[in-house]
Amino acid sequence: MKSLFIIDKKDYEKNWAVSERPSARAIIIRDKLLAMVYSEKYKYYKFPGGGIEKGENPESALVREVGEETGLAVISDTIKEYGKVDILRKSDILENTIFRQENLYYLCDVTDDAAGQSLDDYELESGFTLRYVSADEAIRTNREEATTDDIYMIERESRVLEILKGEFDL
């Protein structure tokens, strides 16, 4: 998968161990709007998706995560690789360890009907809701209103939105 960009904090030693967390994220476009997960509590937009579990392939994780976070059902044969974003930084948990998050983005379509969300405790507390939003509105909200401490996620999602905006005239 092509690299879109890398966010590297460079706050680690190159010889440290590496802890990896791969994830799959959905780009769903309908009528020039993007299906995004909005956090009512922290006031930001993110692409639906999340961690790939051990032994799970990225496409299966994408289908599962989109279903859990939004209630939307991904049409499997529409999944197409878009690009990846790597984030490298010192681990918050493991000493002398580099945390590498590989974010795999996929274009896909969903069925018109939505089931209920199946959110974990953090997602419930964050007030995750599905919204169809313009790229401009999502970027503006992330850059001006977000109150989360996860600056890397905000930067990652905002930059991907900017790329998509230019490529798909959103």
N, C-alpha and C. Protein backbone atom coordinates (compact mmCIF):
# COMPACT_ATOMS: atom_id res chain seq x y z
N MET A 1 0.85 -1.18 0.00
CA MET A 1 0.00 0.00 0.00
C MET A 1 0.90 1.24 0.00
N LYS A 2 0.51 2.24 -0.79
CA LYS A 2 1.33 3.45 -0.89
C LYS A 2 1.29 4.25 0.42
N SER A 3 2.40 4.88 0.73
CA SER A 3 2.48 5.72 1.92
C SER A 3 1.94 7.11 1.58
N LEU A 4 1.01 7.60 2.39
CA LEU A 4 0.49 8.95 2.21
C LEU A 4 1.43 9.96 2.87
N PHE A 5 1.86 9.65 4.09
CA PHE A 5 2.83 10.46 4.82
C PHE A 5 3.18 9.72 6.11
N ILE A 6 4.20 10.23 6.80
CA ILE A 6 4.64 9.68 8.08
C ILE A 6 4.67 10.81 9.10
N ILE A 7 4.15 10.55 10.28
CA ILE A 7 4.28 11.48 11.39
C ILE A 7 5.29 10.84 12.33
N ASP A 8 6.44 11.47 12.48
CA ASP A 8 7.52 10.91 13.28
C ASP A 8 7.95 11.95 14.31
N LYS A 9 7.64 11.69 15.57
CA LYS A 9 7.98 12.63 16.64
C LYS A 9 9.48 12.65 16.92
N LYS A 10 10.18 11.57 16.58
CA LYS A 10 11.64 11.47 16.77
C LYS A 10 12.04 11.73 18.22
N ASP A 11 11.25 11.21 19.14
CA ASP A 11 11.51 11.37 20.57
C ASP A 11 12.00 10.06 21.19
N TYR A 12 12.66 9.25 20.40
CA TYR A 12 13.09 7.91 20.80
C TYR A 12 14.49 7.65 20.25
N GLU A 13 15.10 6.59 20.74
CA GLU A 13 16.39 6.14 20.21
C GLU A 13 16.13 5.09 19.14
N LYS A 14 16.88 5.16 18.06
CA LYS A 14 16.66 4.25 16.92
C LYS A 14 16.88 2.78 17.25
N ASN A 15 17.66 2.49 18.30
CA ASN A 15 17.95 1.10 18.64
C ASN A 15 16.93 0.49 19.60
N TRP A 16 15.91 1.23 19.99
CA TRP A 16 14.89 0.72 20.89
C TRP A 16 14.04 -0.35 20.22
N ALA A 17 13.40 -1.18 21.02
CA ALA A 17 12.43 -2.16 20.52
C ALA A 17 11.24 -1.41 19.91
N VAL A 18 10.47 -2.10 19.07
CA VAL A 18 9.32 -1.49 18.42
C VAL A 18 8.05 -2.25 18.81
N SER A 19 7.05 -1.51 19.24
CA SER A 19 5.73 -2.05 19.52
C SER A 19 4.81 -1.55 18.41
N GLU A 20 4.14 -2.48 17.72
CA GLU A 20 3.31 -2.09 16.57
C GLU A 20 1.83 -2.26 16.85
N ARG A 21 1.04 -1.35 16.30
CA ARG A 21 -0.42 -1.41 16.41
C ARG A 21 -0.99 -1.07 15.04
N PRO A 22 -1.30 -2.09 14.22
CA PRO A 22 -1.90 -1.82 12.92
C PRO A 22 -3.40 -1.54 13.05
N SER A 23 -3.90 -0.71 12.17
CA SER A 23 -5.33 -0.41 12.16
C SER A 23 -5.82 -0.27 10.73
N ALA A 24 -7.13 -0.44 10.56
CA ALA A 24 -7.79 -0.30 9.26
C ALA A 24 -8.86 0.79 9.39
N ARG A 25 -8.89 1.70 8.41
CA ARG A 25 -9.81 2.84 8.47
C ARG A 25 -10.54 2.99 7.14
N ALA A 26 -11.84 3.32 7.23
CA ALA A 26 -12.70 3.38 6.05
C ALA A 26 -12.89 4.80 5.55
N ILE A 27 -12.77 4.94 4.24
CA ILE A 27 -13.13 6.19 3.56
C ILE A 27 -14.41 5.89 2.78
N ILE A 28 -15.51 6.45 3.28
CA ILE A 28 -16.83 6.22 2.69
C ILE A 28 -17.34 7.57 2.20
N ILE A 29 -17.52 7.69 0.89
CA ILE A 29 -17.93 8.96 0.29
C ILE A 29 -19.32 8.79 -0.30
N ARG A 30 -20.24 9.69 0.08
CA ARG A 30 -21.60 9.71 -0.46
C ARG A 30 -21.97 11.15 -0.78
N ASP A 31 -22.28 11.42 -2.02
CA ASP A 31 -22.71 12.76 -2.44
C ASP A 31 -21.75 13.85 -1.94
N LYS A 32 -20.45 13.61 -2.14
CA LYS A 32 -19.38 14.54 -1.76
C LYS A 32 -19.27 14.77 -0.26
N LEU A 33 -19.90 13.90 0.53
CA LEU A 33 -19.77 13.94 1.98
C LEU A 33 -19.08 12.66 2.44
N LEU A 34 -18.41 12.74 3.58
CA LEU A 34 -17.69 11.60 4.13
C LEU A 34 -18.42 11.07 5.36
N ALA A 35 -18.53 9.76 5.45
CA ALA A 35 -19.07 9.13 6.66
C ALA A 35 -17.95 9.15 7.69
N MET A 36 -18.15 9.90 8.76
CA MET A 36 -17.13 10.06 9.79
C MET A 36 -17.73 9.75 11.16
N VAL A 37 -16.87 9.35 12.08
CA VAL A 37 -17.26 9.18 13.47
C VAL A 37 -16.96 10.50 14.17
N TYR A 38 -17.98 11.06 14.83
CA TYR A 38 -17.81 12.31 15.57
C TYR A 38 -17.84 12.02 17.06
N SER A 39 -16.90 12.61 17.80
CA SER A 39 -16.89 12.50 19.25
C SER A 39 -17.61 13.70 19.85
N GLU A 40 -18.78 13.45 20.42
CA GLU A 40 -19.55 14.52 21.06
C GLU A 40 -18.76 15.13 22.22
N LYS A 41 -18.01 14.31 22.97
CA LYS A 41 -17.28 14.79 24.14
C LYS A 41 -16.05 15.60 23.77
N TYR A 42 -15.27 15.09 22.79
CA TYR A 42 -13.98 15.71 22.46
C TYR A 42 -14.00 16.56 21.19
N LYS A 43 -15.14 16.64 20.53
CA LYS A 43 -15.35 17.55 19.39
C LYS A 43 -14.37 17.33 18.24
N TYR A 44 -14.27 16.09 17.76
CA TYR A 44 -13.42 15.81 16.60
C TYR A 44 -14.09 14.78 15.70
N TYR A 45 -13.59 14.72 14.46
CA TYR A 45 -14.01 13.72 13.49
C TYR A 45 -12.88 12.75 13.22
N LYS A 46 -13.21 11.48 13.07
CA LYS A 46 -12.24 10.47 12.67
C LYS A 46 -12.89 9.53 11.68
N PHE A 47 -12.04 8.90 10.87
CA PHE A 47 -12.54 7.90 9.94
C PHE A 47 -12.94 6.66 10.72
N PRO A 48 -14.05 6.01 10.35
CA PRO A 48 -14.44 4.78 11.05
C PRO A 48 -13.35 3.73 10.89
N GLY A 49 -13.06 3.04 11.96
CA GLY A 49 -12.06 1.98 11.90
C GLY A 49 -11.33 1.87 13.21
N GLY A 50 -10.40 0.91 13.24
CA GLY A 50 -9.65 0.71 14.47
C GLY A 50 -8.68 -0.43 14.34
N GLY A 51 -8.27 -0.95 15.47
CA GLY A 51 -7.21 -1.93 15.53
C GLY A 51 -7.51 -3.24 14.84
N ILE A 52 -6.47 -3.77 14.21
CA ILE A 52 -6.53 -5.09 13.58
C ILE A 52 -6.10 -6.10 14.65
N GLU A 53 -6.96 -7.03 14.96
CA GLU A 53 -6.66 -8.02 15.99
C GLU A 53 -5.69 -9.06 15.46
N LYS A 54 -4.96 -9.68 16.37
CA LYS A 54 -3.99 -10.72 16.01
C LYS A 54 -4.70 -11.81 15.21
N GLY A 55 -4.13 -12.16 14.03
CA GLY A 55 -4.70 -13.19 13.18
C GLY A 55 -5.81 -12.70 12.25
N GLU A 56 -6.18 -11.43 12.35
CA GLU A 56 -7.25 -10.86 11.53
C GLU A 56 -6.63 -10.15 10.34
N ASN A 57 -7.25 -10.27 9.16
CA ASN A 57 -6.72 -9.52 8.02
C ASN A 57 -7.32 -8.10 8.03
N PRO A 58 -6.64 -7.15 7.38
CA PRO A 58 -7.10 -5.75 7.44
C PRO A 58 -8.52 -5.53 6.93
N GLU A 59 -8.91 -6.24 5.89
CA GLU A 59 -10.25 -6.05 5.34
C GLU A 59 -11.33 -6.52 6.31
N SER A 60 -11.07 -7.64 6.99
CA SER A 60 -12.02 -8.14 7.99
C SER A 60 -12.12 -7.16 9.16
N ALA A 61 -10.98 -6.62 9.58
CA ALA A 61 -10.98 -5.63 10.66
C ALA A 61 -11.77 -4.40 10.25
N LEU A 62 -11.60 -3.97 9.01
CA LEU A 62 -12.32 -2.81 8.50
C LEU A 62 -13.83 -3.03 8.59
N VAL A 63 -14.29 -4.17 8.09
CA VAL A 63 -15.72 -4.49 8.12
C VAL A 63 -16.22 -4.51 9.56
N ARG A 64 -15.48 -5.17 10.45
CA ARG A 64 -15.88 -5.28 11.85
C ARG A 64 -15.92 -3.92 12.53
N GLU A 65 -14.84 -3.14 12.38
CA GLU A 65 -14.75 -1.85 13.06
C GLU A 65 -15.79 -0.85 12.55
N VAL A 66 -16.02 -0.80 11.24
CA VAL A 66 -17.03 0.10 10.69
C VAL A 66 -18.40 -0.28 11.26
N GLY A 67 -18.69 -1.57 11.29
CA GLY A 67 -19.96 -2.03 11.85
C GLY A 67 -20.12 -1.63 13.31
N GLU A 68 -19.07 -1.83 14.11
CA GLU A 68 -19.13 -1.51 15.53
C GLU A 68 -19.29 -0.01 15.77
N GLU A 69 -18.50 0.80 15.08
CA GLU A 69 -18.49 2.24 15.35
C GLU A 69 -19.64 3.01 14.73
N THR A 70 -20.17 2.51 13.60
CA THR A 70 -21.19 3.28 12.88
C THR A 70 -22.51 2.55 12.70
N GLY A 71 -22.50 1.22 12.76
CA GLY A 71 -23.68 0.44 12.44
C GLY A 71 -23.84 0.19 10.95
N LEU A 72 -22.91 0.73 10.14
CA LEU A 72 -22.97 0.54 8.68
C LEU A 72 -22.32 -0.79 8.30
N ALA A 73 -22.86 -1.39 7.23
CA ALA A 73 -22.31 -2.65 6.74
C ALA A 73 -21.50 -2.38 5.47
N VAL A 74 -20.19 -2.65 5.53
CA VAL A 74 -19.31 -2.48 4.38
C VAL A 74 -19.63 -3.55 3.35
N ILE A 75 -19.69 -3.16 2.08
CA ILE A 75 -19.85 -4.10 0.97
C ILE A 75 -18.45 -4.59 0.63
N SER A 76 -18.15 -5.82 1.00
CA SER A 76 -16.77 -6.35 0.94
C SER A 76 -16.11 -6.20 -0.42
N ASP A 77 -16.85 -6.45 -1.50
CA ASP A 77 -16.19 -6.41 -2.82
C ASP A 77 -15.95 -4.99 -3.34
N THR A 78 -16.28 -3.98 -2.53
CA THR A 78 -15.98 -2.58 -2.91
C THR A 78 -14.72 -2.06 -2.23
N ILE A 79 -14.12 -2.85 -1.34
CA ILE A 79 -12.95 -2.40 -0.58
C ILE A 79 -11.74 -2.27 -1.51
N LYS A 80 -11.14 -1.05 -1.52
CA LYS A 80 -9.96 -0.79 -2.35
C LYS A 80 -8.92 -0.08 -1.50
N GLU A 81 -7.67 -0.52 -1.59
CA GLU A 81 -6.58 0.14 -0.87
C GLU A 81 -6.48 1.60 -1.30
N TYR A 82 -6.29 2.49 -0.32
CA TYR A 82 -6.08 3.89 -0.64
C TYR A 82 -4.66 4.34 -0.28
N GLY A 83 -4.26 4.10 0.95
CA GLY A 83 -2.92 4.51 1.37
C GLY A 83 -2.75 4.31 2.86
N LYS A 84 -1.49 4.46 3.30
CA LYS A 84 -1.23 4.26 4.73
C LYS A 84 -0.51 5.46 5.32
N VAL A 85 -0.71 5.61 6.63
CA VAL A 85 -0.05 6.65 7.41
C VAL A 85 0.60 5.95 8.60
N ASP A 86 1.89 6.16 8.75
CA ASP A 86 2.60 5.63 9.91
C ASP A 86 2.84 6.74 10.91
N ILE A 87 2.64 6.41 12.18
CA ILE A 87 2.96 7.32 13.27
C ILE A 87 4.02 6.64 14.13
N LEU A 88 5.14 7.34 14.34
CA LEU A 88 6.25 6.82 15.14
C LEU A 88 6.51 7.77 16.30
N ARG A 89 6.57 7.19 17.51
CA ARG A 89 6.85 8.02 18.69
C ARG A 89 7.23 7.12 19.86
N LYS A 90 7.73 7.72 20.89
CA LYS A 90 8.08 6.99 22.12
C LYS A 90 6.80 6.41 22.72
N SER A 91 6.86 5.16 23.14
CA SER A 91 5.71 4.51 23.76
C SER A 91 5.36 5.19 25.08
N ASP A 92 4.06 5.37 25.30
CA ASP A 92 3.57 5.89 26.58
C ASP A 92 3.53 4.80 27.64
N ILE A 93 3.62 3.55 27.21
CA ILE A 93 3.42 2.41 28.10
C ILE A 93 4.71 1.63 28.37
N LEU A 94 5.45 1.33 27.31
CA LEU A 94 6.64 0.49 27.42
C LEU A 94 7.91 1.34 27.41
N GLU A 95 8.77 1.10 28.38
CA GLU A 95 10.02 1.85 28.48
C GLU A 95 10.97 1.48 27.34
N ASN A 96 11.72 2.45 26.86
CA ASN A 96 12.70 2.25 25.79
C ASN A 96 12.10 1.51 24.58
N THR A 97 10.91 1.93 24.20
CA THR A 97 10.19 1.29 23.10
C THR A 97 9.61 2.35 22.18
N ILE A 98 9.73 2.10 20.87
CA ILE A 98 9.11 2.95 19.85
C ILE A 98 7.71 2.40 19.60
N PHE A 99 6.72 3.28 19.64
CA PHE A 99 5.35 2.89 19.28
C PHE A 99 5.14 3.25 17.83
N ARG A 100 4.83 2.25 17.00
CA ARG A 100 4.55 2.46 15.58
C ARG A 100 3.11 2.08 15.30
N GLN A 101 2.32 3.08 14.93
CA GLN A 101 0.94 2.81 14.54
C GLN A 101 0.84 2.90 13.03
N GLU A 102 0.49 1.79 12.40
CA GLU A 102 0.29 1.74 10.96
C GLU A 102 -1.21 1.85 10.71
N ASN A 103 -1.61 2.91 10.01
CA ASN A 103 -3.01 3.18 9.71
C ASN A 103 -3.25 2.92 8.23
N LEU A 104 -4.01 1.88 7.93
CA LEU A 104 -4.31 1.49 6.56
C LEU A 104 -5.68 2.03 6.17
N TYR A 105 -5.72 2.88 5.16
CA TYR A 105 -6.97 3.50 4.71
C TYR A 105 -7.49 2.79 3.46
N TYR A 106 -8.80 2.52 3.47
CA TYR A 106 -9.45 1.83 2.36
C TYR A 106 -10.68 2.62 1.92
N LEU A 107 -10.84 2.77 0.61
CA LEU A 107 -12.09 3.28 0.05
C LEU A 107 -13.07 2.12 0.06
N CYS A 108 -14.33 2.40 0.39
CA CYS A 108 -15.34 1.34 0.35
C CYS A 108 -16.73 1.95 0.32
N ASP A 109 -17.70 1.12 -0.05
CA ASP A 109 -19.11 1.49 -0.01
C ASP A 109 -19.79 0.71 1.09
N VAL A 110 -20.94 1.22 1.51
CA VAL A 110 -21.73 0.56 2.55
C VAL A 110 -23.16 0.39 2.05
N THR A 111 -23.89 -0.52 2.68
CA THR A 111 -25.30 -0.69 2.35
C THR A 111 -26.08 0.52 2.87
N ASP A 112 -27.29 0.72 2.36
CA ASP A 112 -28.09 1.88 2.76
C ASP A 112 -28.67 1.75 4.17
N ASP A 113 -28.86 0.53 4.63
CA ASP A 113 -29.44 0.35 5.95
C ASP A 113 -28.35 0.28 7.01
N ALA A 114 -28.64 0.83 8.17
CA ALA A 114 -27.66 0.83 9.26
C ALA A 114 -28.26 0.08 10.46
N ALA A 115 -27.45 -0.74 11.08
CA ALA A 115 -27.84 -1.42 12.31
C ALA A 115 -27.39 -0.55 13.48
N GLY A 116 -27.53 -1.03 14.67
CA GLY A 116 -27.08 -0.27 15.84
C GLY A 116 -25.57 -0.36 16.01
N GLN A 117 -25.01 0.63 16.66
CA GLN A 117 -23.59 0.62 16.99
C GLN A 117 -23.32 -0.41 18.09
N SER A 118 -22.07 -0.84 18.18
CA SER A 118 -21.63 -1.73 19.25
C SER A 118 -20.33 -1.15 19.80
N LEU A 119 -20.48 -0.12 20.64
CA LEU A 119 -19.33 0.65 21.10
C LEU A 119 -18.74 0.09 22.39
N ASP A 120 -17.41 0.21 22.52
CA ASP A 120 -16.76 -0.16 23.77
C ASP A 120 -16.91 1.01 24.75
N ASP A 121 -16.43 0.84 25.98
CA ASP A 121 -16.62 1.86 27.02
C ASP A 121 -16.03 3.22 26.63
N TYR A 122 -14.80 3.21 26.07
CA TYR A 122 -14.17 4.47 25.67
C TYR A 122 -15.00 5.17 24.59
N GLU A 123 -15.48 4.41 23.62
CA GLU A 123 -16.26 4.99 22.52
C GLU A 123 -17.60 5.53 23.02
N LEU A 124 -18.22 4.82 23.97
CA LEU A 124 -19.47 5.31 24.57
C LEU A 124 -19.22 6.61 25.33
N GLU A 125 -18.16 6.62 26.15
CA GLU A 125 -17.82 7.81 26.93
C GLU A 125 -17.51 9.00 26.01
N SER A 126 -16.87 8.71 24.87
CA SER A 126 -16.51 9.77 23.92
C SER A 126 -17.71 10.27 23.13
N GLY A 127 -18.82 9.54 23.18
CA GLY A 127 -20.03 9.95 22.45
C GLY A 127 -19.91 9.78 20.95
N PHE A 128 -19.38 8.64 20.52
CA PHE A 128 -19.21 8.40 19.08
C PHE A 128 -20.56 8.33 18.37
N THR A 129 -20.70 9.15 17.32
CA THR A 129 -21.89 9.12 16.48
C THR A 129 -21.46 9.18 15.02
N LEU A 130 -22.27 8.61 14.16
CA LEU A 130 -22.03 8.66 12.72
C LEU A 130 -22.58 9.96 12.17
N ARG A 131 -21.75 10.66 11.39
CA ARG A 131 -22.19 11.87 10.70
C ARG A 131 -21.63 11.87 9.29
N TYR A 132 -22.44 12.34 8.35
CA TYR A 132 -21.95 12.59 6.99
C TYR A 132 -21.61 14.07 6.95
N VAL A 133 -20.36 14.37 6.62
CA VAL A 133 -19.86 15.73 6.77
C VAL A 133 -18.94 16.07 5.60
N SER A 134 -18.84 17.34 5.29
CA SER A 134 -17.90 17.77 4.26
C SER A 134 -16.47 17.67 4.79
N ALA A 135 -15.53 17.51 3.89
CA ALA A 135 -14.12 17.47 4.29
C ALA A 135 -13.75 18.79 4.97
N ASP A 136 -14.22 19.91 4.44
CA ASP A 136 -13.90 21.22 5.04
C ASP A 136 -14.39 21.32 6.48
N GLU A 137 -15.62 20.85 6.73
CA GLU A 137 -16.16 20.94 8.08
C GLU A 137 -15.39 20.04 9.04
N ALA A 138 -15.04 18.84 8.61
CA ALA A 138 -14.28 17.92 9.46
C ALA A 138 -12.89 18.50 9.77
N ILE A 139 -12.23 19.05 8.76
CA ILE A 139 -10.91 19.66 8.97
C ILE A 139 -11.01 20.84 9.93
N ARG A 140 -11.98 21.73 9.68
CA ARG A 140 -12.15 22.91 10.53
C ARG A 140 -12.41 22.50 11.98
N THR A 141 -13.31 21.55 12.18
CA THR A 141 -13.64 21.08 13.53
C THR A 141 -12.40 20.50 14.21
N ASN A 142 -11.68 19.64 13.50
CA ASN A 142 -10.49 19.02 14.09
C ASN A 142 -9.42 20.05 14.46
N ARG A 143 -9.21 21.01 13.59
CA ARG A 143 -8.14 21.97 13.82
C ARG A 143 -8.52 23.08 14.81
N GLU A 144 -9.83 23.38 14.94
CA GLU A 144 -10.24 24.53 15.75
C GLU A 144 -11.00 24.17 17.03
N GLU A 145 -11.66 23.01 17.06
CA GLU A 145 -12.55 22.71 18.19
C GLU A 145 -12.14 21.50 19.01
N ALA A 146 -11.34 20.60 18.45
CA ALA A 146 -11.02 19.34 19.14
C ALA A 146 -10.39 19.60 20.50
N THR A 147 -10.85 18.83 21.48
CA THR A 147 -10.32 18.97 22.84
C THR A 147 -9.60 17.70 23.32
N THR A 148 -9.39 16.74 22.44
CA THR A 148 -8.69 15.52 22.81
C THR A 148 -7.19 15.76 22.98
N ASP A 149 -6.56 14.94 23.80
CA ASP A 149 -5.10 15.00 23.96
C ASP A 149 -4.38 14.30 22.82
N ASP A 150 -5.10 13.55 22.01
CA ASP A 150 -4.49 12.74 20.95
C ASP A 150 -4.19 13.60 19.72
N ILE A 151 -3.14 14.40 19.84
CA ILE A 151 -2.78 15.32 18.76
C ILE A 151 -2.35 14.58 17.50
N TYR A 152 -1.81 13.38 17.65
CA TYR A 152 -1.36 12.61 16.49
C TYR A 152 -2.55 12.14 15.66
N MET A 153 -3.63 11.71 16.32
CA MET A 153 -4.83 11.29 15.60
C MET A 153 -5.46 12.48 14.88
N ILE A 154 -5.53 13.61 15.54
CA ILE A 154 -6.11 14.81 14.92
C ILE A 154 -5.30 15.21 13.69
N GLU A 155 -3.98 15.22 13.81
CA GLU A 155 -3.12 15.57 12.68
C GLU A 155 -3.26 14.56 11.55
N ARG A 156 -3.27 13.28 11.89
CA ARG A 156 -3.40 12.21 10.88
C ARG A 156 -4.70 12.36 10.11
N GLU A 157 -5.82 12.46 10.82
CA GLU A 157 -7.11 12.52 10.15
C GLU A 157 -7.26 13.82 9.33
N SER A 158 -6.78 14.93 9.87
CA SER A 158 -6.89 16.20 9.15
C SER A 158 -6.07 16.18 7.86
N ARG A 159 -4.88 15.62 7.91
CA ARG A 159 -4.04 15.56 6.71
C ARG A 159 -4.62 14.61 5.67
N VAL A 160 -5.17 13.49 6.10
CA VAL A 160 -5.82 12.58 5.14
C VAL A 160 -7.03 13.27 4.51
N LEU A 161 -7.80 13.98 5.31
CA LEU A 161 -8.94 14.73 4.77
C LEU A 161 -8.49 15.74 3.72
N GLU A 162 -7.39 16.44 3.97
CA GLU A 162 -6.88 17.41 3.01
C GLU A 162 -6.47 16.74 1.70
N ILE A 163 -5.86 15.57 1.78
CA ILE A 163 -5.47 14.82 0.58
C ILE A 163 -6.71 14.40 -0.20
N LEU A 164 -7.69 13.86 0.50
CA LEU A 164 -8.92 13.41 -0.15
C LEU A 164 -9.68 14.58 -0.79
N LYS A 165 -9.72 15.70 -0.10
CA LYS A 165 -10.38 16.88 -0.61
C LYS A 165 -9.85 17.27 -1.98
N GLY A 166 -8.53 17.25 -2.13
CA GLY A 166 -7.92 17.60 -3.40
C GLY A 166 -8.12 16.54 -4.47
N GLU A 167 -8.05 15.28 -4.08
CA GLU A 167 -8.13 14.19 -5.05
C GLU A 167 -9.56 13.93 -5.54
N PHE A 168 -10.54 14.08 -4.65
CA PHE A 168 -11.92 13.74 -5.00
C PHE A 168 -12.84 14.94 -5.11
N ASP A 169 -12.30 16.16 -5.05
CA ASP A 169 -13.07 17.39 -5.15
C ASP A 169 -14.22 17.38 -4.14
N LEU A 170 -13.85 17.14 -2.89
CA LEU A 170 -14.86 17.10 -1.81
C LEU A 170 -15.05 18.47 -1.18
